[in-house]
Amino acid sequence: MRTIGIILIIAGIAGFLISDVSFSTTEEVADIGPLEVEREKERSLPITPVASGALIVIGGVVTVMGIRRTRN
């Protein structure tokens, strides 16, 4: 539990530092017999500060729960 909480906290901090994640996808435009036409499309996924803050809070709660669980 503690490890998952720490990973969530790190992901939240990274979300504040990185405003969006860009990736590319390949789409098939046409398939005419032996000829295939594909195009690569660049996409972006925004990361909001609210989501980053929520990850930090949830990670903190999970970390504290993991610490309390190991004490008992």
PDB file of N, CA and C in Angstrom:
ATOM      1  N   MET A   1       0.828  -1.193   0.000  1.00  0.00           N
ATOM      2  CA  MET A   1       0.000   0.000   0.000  1.00  0.00           C
ATOM      3  C   MET A   1       0.875   1.261   0.000  1.00  0.00           C
ATOM      4  N   ARG A   2       1.912   1.207   0.787  1.00  0.00           N
ATOM      5  CA  ARG A   2       2.788   2.368   0.895  1.00  0.00           C
ATOM      6  C   ARG A   2       3.462   2.671  -0.443  1.00  0.00           C
ATOM      7  N   THR A   3       3.867   1.642  -1.153  1.00  0.00           N
ATOM      8  CA  THR A   3       4.521   1.825  -2.448  1.00  0.00           C
ATOM      9  C   THR A   3       3.562   2.436  -3.473  1.00  0.00           C
ATOM     10  N   ILE A   4       2.324   1.967  -3.490  1.00  0.00           N
ATOM     11  CA  ILE A   4       1.325   2.521  -4.406  1.00  0.00           C
ATOM     12  C   ILE A   4       1.075   3.990  -4.084  1.00  0.00           C
ATOM     13  N   GLY A   5       1.001   4.331  -2.803  1.00  0.00           N
ATOM     14  CA  GLY A   5       0.801   5.720  -2.402  1.00  0.00           C
ATOM     15  C   GLY A   5       1.935   6.616  -2.857  1.00  0.00           C
ATOM     16  N   ILE A   6       3.155   6.137  -2.726  1.00  0.00           N
ATOM     17  CA  ILE A   6       4.314   6.926  -3.149  1.00  0.00           C
ATOM     18  C   ILE A   6       4.309   7.109  -4.669  1.00  0.00           C
ATOM     19  N   ILE A   7       3.940   6.073  -5.409  1.00  0.00           N
ATOM     20  CA  ILE A   7       3.854   6.183  -6.871  1.00  0.00           C
ATOM     21  C   ILE A   7       2.795   7.213  -7.261  1.00  0.00           C
ATOM     22  N   LEU A   8       1.647   7.228  -6.576  1.00  0.00           N
ATOM     23  CA  LEU A   8       0.606   8.208  -6.867  1.00  0.00           C
ATOM     24  C   LEU A   8       1.075   9.629  -6.572  1.00  0.00           C
ATOM     25  N   ILE A   9       1.799   9.810  -5.483  1.00  0.00           N
ATOM     26  CA  ILE A   9       2.330  11.135  -5.151  1.00  0.00           C
ATOM     27  C   ILE A   9       3.314  11.601  -6.226  1.00  0.00           C
ATOM     28  N   ILE A  10       4.197  10.724  -6.653  1.00  0.00           N
ATOM     29  CA  ILE A  10       5.166  11.081  -7.698  1.00  0.00           C
ATOM     30  C   ILE A  10       4.441  11.404  -9.010  1.00  0.00           C
ATOM     31  N   ALA A  11       3.398  10.638  -9.342  1.00  0.00           N
ATOM     32  CA  ALA A  11       2.632  10.916 -10.555  1.00  0.00           C
ATOM     33  C   ALA A  11       1.938  12.275 -10.457  1.00  0.00           C
ATOM     34  N   GLY A  12       1.442  12.630  -9.282  1.00  0.00           N
ATOM     35  CA  GLY A  12       0.817  13.935  -9.095  1.00  0.00           C
ATOM     36  C   GLY A  12       1.793  15.073  -9.258  1.00  0.00           C
ATOM     37  N   ILE A  13       2.976  14.928  -8.703  1.00  0.00           N
ATOM     38  CA  ILE A  13       4.018  15.955  -8.850  1.00  0.00           C
ATOM     39  C   ILE A  13       4.427  16.077 -10.317  1.00  0.00           C
ATOM     40  N   ALA A  14       4.570  14.953 -10.986  1.00  0.00           N
ATOM     41  CA  ALA A  14       4.913  14.979 -12.416  1.00  0.00           C
ATOM     42  C   ALA A  14       3.811  15.652 -13.225  1.00  0.00           C
ATOM     43  N   GLY A  15       2.557  15.487 -12.814  1.00  0.00           N
ATOM     44  CA  GLY A  15       1.444  16.130 -13.499  1.00  0.00           C
ATOM     45  C   GLY A  15       1.515  17.647 -13.410  1.00  0.00           C
ATOM     46  N   PHE A  16       2.006  18.166 -12.290  1.00  0.00           N
ATOM     47  CA  PHE A  16       2.179  19.614 -12.166  1.00  0.00           C
ATOM     48  C   PHE A  16       3.314  20.110 -13.056  1.00  0.00           C
ATOM     49  N   LEU A  17       4.340  19.292 -13.228  1.00  0.00           N
ATOM     50  CA  LEU A  17       5.496  19.701 -14.022  1.00  0.00           C
ATOM     51  C   LEU A  17       5.260  19.555 -15.523  1.00  0.00           C
ATOM     52  N   ILE A  18       4.451  18.575 -15.916  1.00  0.00           N
ATOM     53  CA  ILE A  18       4.172  18.315 -17.329  1.00  0.00           C
ATOM     54  C   ILE A  18       2.706  18.669 -17.574  1.00  0.00           C
ATOM     55  N   SER A  19       2.448  19.638 -18.445  1.00  0.00           N
ATOM     56  CA  SER A  19       1.072  20.100 -18.648  1.00  0.00           C
ATOM     57  C   SER A  19       0.255  19.183 -19.544  1.00  0.00           C
ATOM     58  N   ASP A  20       0.895  18.484 -20.469  1.00  0.00           N
ATOM     59  CA  ASP A  20       0.163  17.545 -21.313  1.00  0.00           C
ATOM     60  C   ASP A  20       1.082  16.445 -21.812  1.00  0.00           C
ATOM     61  N   VAL A  21       0.455  15.331 -22.205  1.00  0.00           N
ATOM     62  CA  VAL A  21       1.188  14.183 -22.719  1.00  0.00           C
ATOM     63  C   VAL A  21       0.847  14.057 -24.196  1.00  0.00           C
ATOM     64  N   SER A  22       1.868  14.038 -25.046  1.00  0.00           N
ATOM     65  CA  SER A  22       1.656  13.915 -26.490  1.00  0.00           C
ATOM     66  C   SER A  22       2.016  12.503 -26.945  1.00  0.00           C
ATOM     67  N   PHE A  23       1.222  11.982 -27.868  1.00  0.00           N
ATOM     68  CA  PHE A  23       1.497  10.682 -28.452  1.00  0.00           C
ATOM     69  C   PHE A  23       0.965  10.678 -29.876  1.00  0.00           C
ATOM     70  N   SER A  24       1.414   9.736 -30.661  1.00  0.00           N
ATOM     71  CA  SER A  24       0.975   9.665 -32.051  1.00  0.00           C
ATOM     72  C   SER A  24       0.305   8.322 -32.310  1.00  0.00           C
ATOM     73  N   THR A  25      -0.702   8.362 -33.191  1.00  0.00           N
ATOM     74  CA  THR A  25      -1.403   7.157 -33.593  1.00  0.00           C
ATOM     75  C   THR A  25      -1.345   7.038 -35.110  1.00  0.00           C
ATOM     76  N   THR A  26      -1.418   5.829 -35.605  1.00  0.00           N
ATOM     77  CA  THR A  26      -1.405   5.587 -37.038  1.00  0.00           C
ATOM     78  C   THR A  26      -2.797   5.132 -37.463  1.00  0.00           C
ATOM     79  N   GLU A  27      -3.349   5.818 -38.462  1.00  0.00           N
ATOM     80  CA  GLU A  27      -4.670   5.471 -38.986  1.00  0.00           C
ATOM     81  C   GLU A  27      -4.542   4.998 -40.427  1.00  0.00           C
ATOM     82  N   GLU A  28      -5.326   3.999 -40.776  1.00  0.00           N
ATOM     83  CA  GLU A  28      -5.354   3.540 -42.159  1.00  0.00           C
ATOM     84  C   GLU A  28      -6.371   4.402 -42.908  1.00  0.00           C
ATOM     85  N   VAL A  29      -5.899   5.123 -43.910  1.00  0.00           N
ATOM     86  CA  VAL A  29      -6.758   6.024 -44.675  1.00  0.00           C
ATOM     87  C   VAL A  29      -7.427   5.283 -45.826  1.00  0.00           C
ATOM     88  N   ALA A  30      -6.658   4.484 -46.552  1.00  0.00           N
ATOM     89  CA  ALA A  30      -7.211   3.754 -47.687  1.00  0.00           C
ATOM     90  C   ALA A  30      -6.510   2.411 -47.836  1.00  0.00           C
ATOM     91  N   ASP A  31      -7.257   1.419 -48.270  1.00  0.00           N
ATOM     92  CA  ASP A  31      -6.707   0.088 -48.533  1.00  0.00           C
ATOM     93  C   ASP A  31      -7.272  -0.373 -49.872  1.00  0.00           C
ATOM     94  N   ILE A  32      -6.487  -0.136 -50.921  1.00  0.00           N
ATOM     95  CA  ILE A  32      -6.916  -0.472 -52.279  1.00  0.00           C
ATOM     96  C   ILE A  32      -6.007  -1.576 -52.800  1.00  0.00           C
ATOM     97  N   GLY A  33      -6.481  -2.793 -52.698  1.00  0.00           N
ATOM     98  CA  GLY A  33      -5.685  -3.927 -53.154  1.00  0.00           C
ATOM     99  C   GLY A  33      -4.371  -4.010 -52.389  1.00  0.00           C
ATOM    100  N   PRO A  34      -3.241  -4.073 -53.109  1.00  0.00           N
ATOM    101  CA  PRO A  34      -1.945  -4.170 -52.441  1.00  0.00           C
ATOM    102  C   PRO A  34      -1.443  -2.825 -51.911  1.00  0.00           C
ATOM    103  N   LEU A  35      -2.173  -1.754 -52.179  1.00  0.00           N
ATOM    104  CA  LEU A  35      -1.752  -0.414 -51.772  1.00  0.00           C
ATOM    105  C   LEU A  35      -2.454  -0.008 -50.481  1.00  0.00           C
ATOM    106  N   GLU A  36      -1.681   0.320 -49.473  1.00  0.00           N
ATOM    107  CA  GLU A  36      -2.219   0.809 -48.204  1.00  0.00           C
ATOM    108  C   GLU A  36      -1.711   2.210 -47.960  1.00  0.00           C
ATOM    109  N   VAL A  37      -2.615   3.104 -47.579  1.00  0.00           N
ATOM    110  CA  VAL A  37      -2.234   4.477 -47.253  1.00  0.00           C
ATOM    111  C   VAL A  37      -2.551   4.701 -45.784  1.00  0.00           C
ATOM    112  N   GLU A  38      -1.513   5.054 -45.020  1.00  0.00           N
ATOM    113  CA  GLU A  38      -1.673   5.320 -43.596  1.00  0.00           C
ATOM    114  C   GLU A  38      -1.219   6.739 -43.297  1.00  0.00           C
ATOM    115  N   ARG A  39      -1.779   7.294 -42.234  1.00  0.00           N
ATOM    116  CA  ARG A  39      -1.325   8.610 -41.814  1.00  0.00           C
ATOM    117  C   ARG A  39      -1.099   8.585 -40.314  1.00  0.00           C
ATOM    118  N   GLU A  40      -0.100   9.324 -39.904  1.00  0.00           N
ATOM    119  CA  GLU A  40       0.242   9.417 -38.495  1.00  0.00           C
ATOM    120  C   GLU A  40      -0.367  10.696 -37.934  1.00  0.00           C
ATOM    121  N   LYS A  41      -1.091  10.566 -36.838  1.00  0.00           N
ATOM    122  CA  LYS A  41      -1.783  11.704 -36.255  1.00  0.00           C
ATOM    123  C   LYS A  41      -1.234  11.959 -34.849  1.00  0.00           C
ATOM    124  N   GLU A  42      -0.830  13.183 -34.601  1.00  0.00           N
ATOM    125  CA  GLU A  42      -0.302  13.582 -33.295  1.00  0.00           C
ATOM    126  C   GLU A  42      -1.469  13.974 -32.391  1.00  0.00           C
ATOM    127  N   ARG A  43      -1.521  13.403 -31.211  1.00  0.00           N
ATOM    128  CA  ARG A  43      -2.584  13.708 -30.252  1.00  0.00           C
ATOM    129  C   ARG A  43      -1.977  14.188 -28.948  1.00  0.00           C
ATOM    130  N   SER A  44      -2.767  14.924 -28.190  1.00  0.00           N
ATOM    131  CA  SER A  44      -2.305  15.480 -26.927  1.00  0.00           C
ATOM    132  C   SER A  44      -3.371  15.253 -25.863  1.00  0.00           C
ATOM    133  N   LEU A  45      -2.964  14.844 -24.680  1.00  0.00           N
ATOM    134  CA  LEU A  45      -3.857  14.608 -23.559  1.00  0.00           C
ATOM    135  C   LEU A  45      -3.487  15.587 -22.446  1.00  0.00           C
ATOM    136  N   PRO A  46      -4.354  16.575 -22.175  1.00  0.00           N
ATOM    137  CA  PRO A  46      -4.010  17.559 -21.144  1.00  0.00           C
ATOM    138  C   PRO A  46      -4.121  16.965 -19.738  1.00  0.00           C
ATOM    139  N   ILE A  47      -3.249  17.409 -18.859  1.00  0.00           N
ATOM    140  CA  ILE A  47      -3.274  16.998 -17.461  1.00  0.00           C
ATOM    141  C   ILE A  47      -3.630  18.237 -16.642  1.00  0.00           C
ATOM    142  N   THR A  48      -4.781  18.211 -15.995  1.00  0.00           N
ATOM    143  CA  THR A  48      -5.234  19.378 -15.249  1.00  0.00           C
ATOM    144  C   THR A  48      -4.594  19.417 -13.865  1.00  0.00           C
ATOM    145  N   PRO A  49      -4.427  20.617 -13.321  1.00  0.00           N
ATOM    146  CA  PRO A  49      -3.891  20.732 -11.963  1.00  0.00           C
ATOM    147  C   PRO A  49      -4.794  20.064 -10.913  1.00  0.00           C
ATOM    148  N   VAL A  50      -6.098  20.031 -11.172  1.00  0.00           N
ATOM    149  CA  VAL A  50      -7.020  19.381 -10.230  1.00  0.00           C
ATOM    150  C   VAL A  50      -6.724  17.883 -10.148  1.00  0.00           C
ATOM    151  N   ALA A  51      -6.492  17.259 -11.299  1.00  0.00           N
ATOM    152  CA  ALA A  51      -6.176  15.831 -11.317  1.00  0.00           C
ATOM    153  C   ALA A  51      -4.841  15.562 -10.623  1.00  0.00           C
ATOM    154  N   SER A  52      -3.862  16.435 -10.847  1.00  0.00           N
ATOM    155  CA  SER A  52      -2.558  16.268 -10.204  1.00  0.00           C
ATOM    156  C   SER A  52      -2.679  16.402  -8.690  1.00  0.00           C
ATOM    157  N   GLY A  53      -3.445  17.393  -8.250  1.00  0.00           N
ATOM    158  CA  GLY A  53      -3.658  17.577  -6.809  1.00  0.00           C
ATOM    159  C   GLY A  53      -4.392  16.401  -6.197  1.00  0.00           C
ATOM    160  N   ALA A  54      -5.376  15.868  -6.923  1.00  0.00           N
ATOM    161  CA  ALA A  54      -6.115  14.711  -6.422  1.00  0.00           C
ATOM    162  C   ALA A  54      -5.208  13.495  -6.279  1.00  0.00           C
ATOM    163  N   LEU A  55      -4.297  13.302  -7.232  1.00  0.00           N
ATOM    164  CA  LEU A  55      -3.350  12.183  -7.131  1.00  0.00           C
ATOM    165  C   LEU A  55      -2.461  12.318  -5.904  1.00  0.00           C
ATOM    166  N   ILE A  56      -2.027  13.535  -5.621  1.00  0.00           N
ATOM    167  CA  ILE A  56      -1.168  13.746  -4.452  1.00  0.00           C
ATOM    168  C   ILE A  56      -1.936  13.456  -3.165  1.00  0.00           C
ATOM    169  N   VAL A  57      -3.171  13.944  -3.075  1.00  0.00           N
ATOM    170  CA  VAL A  57      -3.977  13.718  -1.867  1.00  0.00           C
ATOM    171  C   VAL A  57      -4.281  12.236  -1.688  1.00  0.00           C
ATOM    172  N   ILE A  58      -4.723  11.583  -2.759  1.00  0.00           N
ATOM    173  CA  ILE A  58      -5.037  10.152  -2.679  1.00  0.00           C
ATOM    174  C   ILE A  58      -3.785   9.347  -2.347  1.00  0.00           C
ATOM    175  N   GLY A  59      -2.653   9.716  -2.955  1.00  0.00           N
ATOM    176  CA  GLY A  59      -1.394   9.035  -2.637  1.00  0.00           C
ATOM    177  C   GLY A  59      -1.001   9.208  -1.186  1.00  0.00           C
ATOM    178  N   GLY A  60      -1.225  10.401  -0.637  1.00  0.00           N
ATOM    179  CA  GLY A  60      -0.933  10.632   0.780  1.00  0.00           C
ATOM    180  C   GLY A  60      -1.806   9.784   1.679  1.00  0.00           C
ATOM    181  N   VAL A  61      -3.087   9.696   1.359  1.00  0.00           N
ATOM    182  CA  VAL A  61      -4.010   8.888   2.164  1.00  0.00           C
ATOM    183  C   VAL A  61      -3.624   7.411   2.102  1.00  0.00           C
ATOM    184  N   VAL A  62      -3.318   6.915   0.912  1.00  0.00           N
ATOM    185  CA  VAL A  62      -2.941   5.504   0.756  1.00  0.00           C
ATOM    186  C   VAL A  62      -1.628   5.218   1.494  1.00  0.00           C
ATOM    187  N   THR A  63      -0.695   6.147   1.440  1.00  0.00           N
ATOM    188  CA  THR A  63       0.576   5.962   2.143  1.00  0.00           C
ATOM    189  C   THR A  63       0.364   5.896   3.647  1.00  0.00           C
ATOM    190  N   VAL A  64      -0.445   6.804   4.184  1.00  0.00           N
ATOM    191  CA  VAL A  64      -0.722   6.799   5.629  1.00  0.00           C
ATOM    192  C   VAL A  64      -1.441   5.527   6.032  1.00  0.00           C
ATOM    193  N   MET A  65      -2.392   5.079   5.212  1.00  0.00           N
ATOM    194  CA  MET A  65      -3.090   3.829   5.516  1.00  0.00           C
ATOM    195  C   MET A  65      -2.124   2.650   5.517  1.00  0.00           C
ATOM    196  N   GLY A  66      -1.172   2.637   4.595  1.00  0.00           N
ATOM    197  CA  GLY A  66      -0.177   1.568   4.550  1.00  0.00           C
ATOM    198  C   GLY A  66       0.729   1.575   5.766  1.00  0.00           C
ATOM    199  N   ILE A  67       1.097   2.776   6.241  1.00  0.00           N
ATOM    200  CA  ILE A  67       1.948   2.873   7.430  1.00  0.00           C
ATOM    201  C   ILE A  67       1.184   2.405   8.661  1.00  0.00           C
ATOM    202  N   ARG A  68      -0.075   2.820   8.786  1.00  0.00           N
ATOM    203  CA  ARG A  68      -0.882   2.402   9.949  1.00  0.00           C
ATOM    204  C   ARG A  68      -1.138   0.911   9.931  1.00  0.00           C
ATOM    205  N   ARG A  69      -1.289   0.324   8.752  1.00  0.00           N
ATOM    206  CA  ARG A  69      -1.554  -1.101   8.636  1.00  0.00           C
ATOM    207  C   ARG A  69      -0.358  -1.920   9.093  1.00  0.00           C
ATOM    208  N   THR A  70       0.862  -1.456   8.801  1.00  0.00           N
ATOM    209  CA  THR A  70       2.054  -2.206   9.198  1.00  0.00           C
ATOM    210  C   THR A  70       2.327  -2.078  10.693  1.00  0.00           C
ATOM    211  N   ARG A  71       1.841  -1.038  11.337  1.00  0.00           N
ATOM    212  CA  ARG A  71       2.043  -0.872  12.782  1.00  0.00           C
ATOM    213  C   ARG A  71       1.199  -1.864  13.570  1.00  0.00           C
ATOM    214  N   ASN A  72       0.017  -2.198  13.077  1.00  0.00           N
ATOM    215  CA  ASN A  72      -0.893  -3.085  13.825  1.00  0.00           C
ATOM    216  C   ASN A  72      -0.590  -4.512  13.613  1.00  0.00           C
TER     217      ASN A  72
END
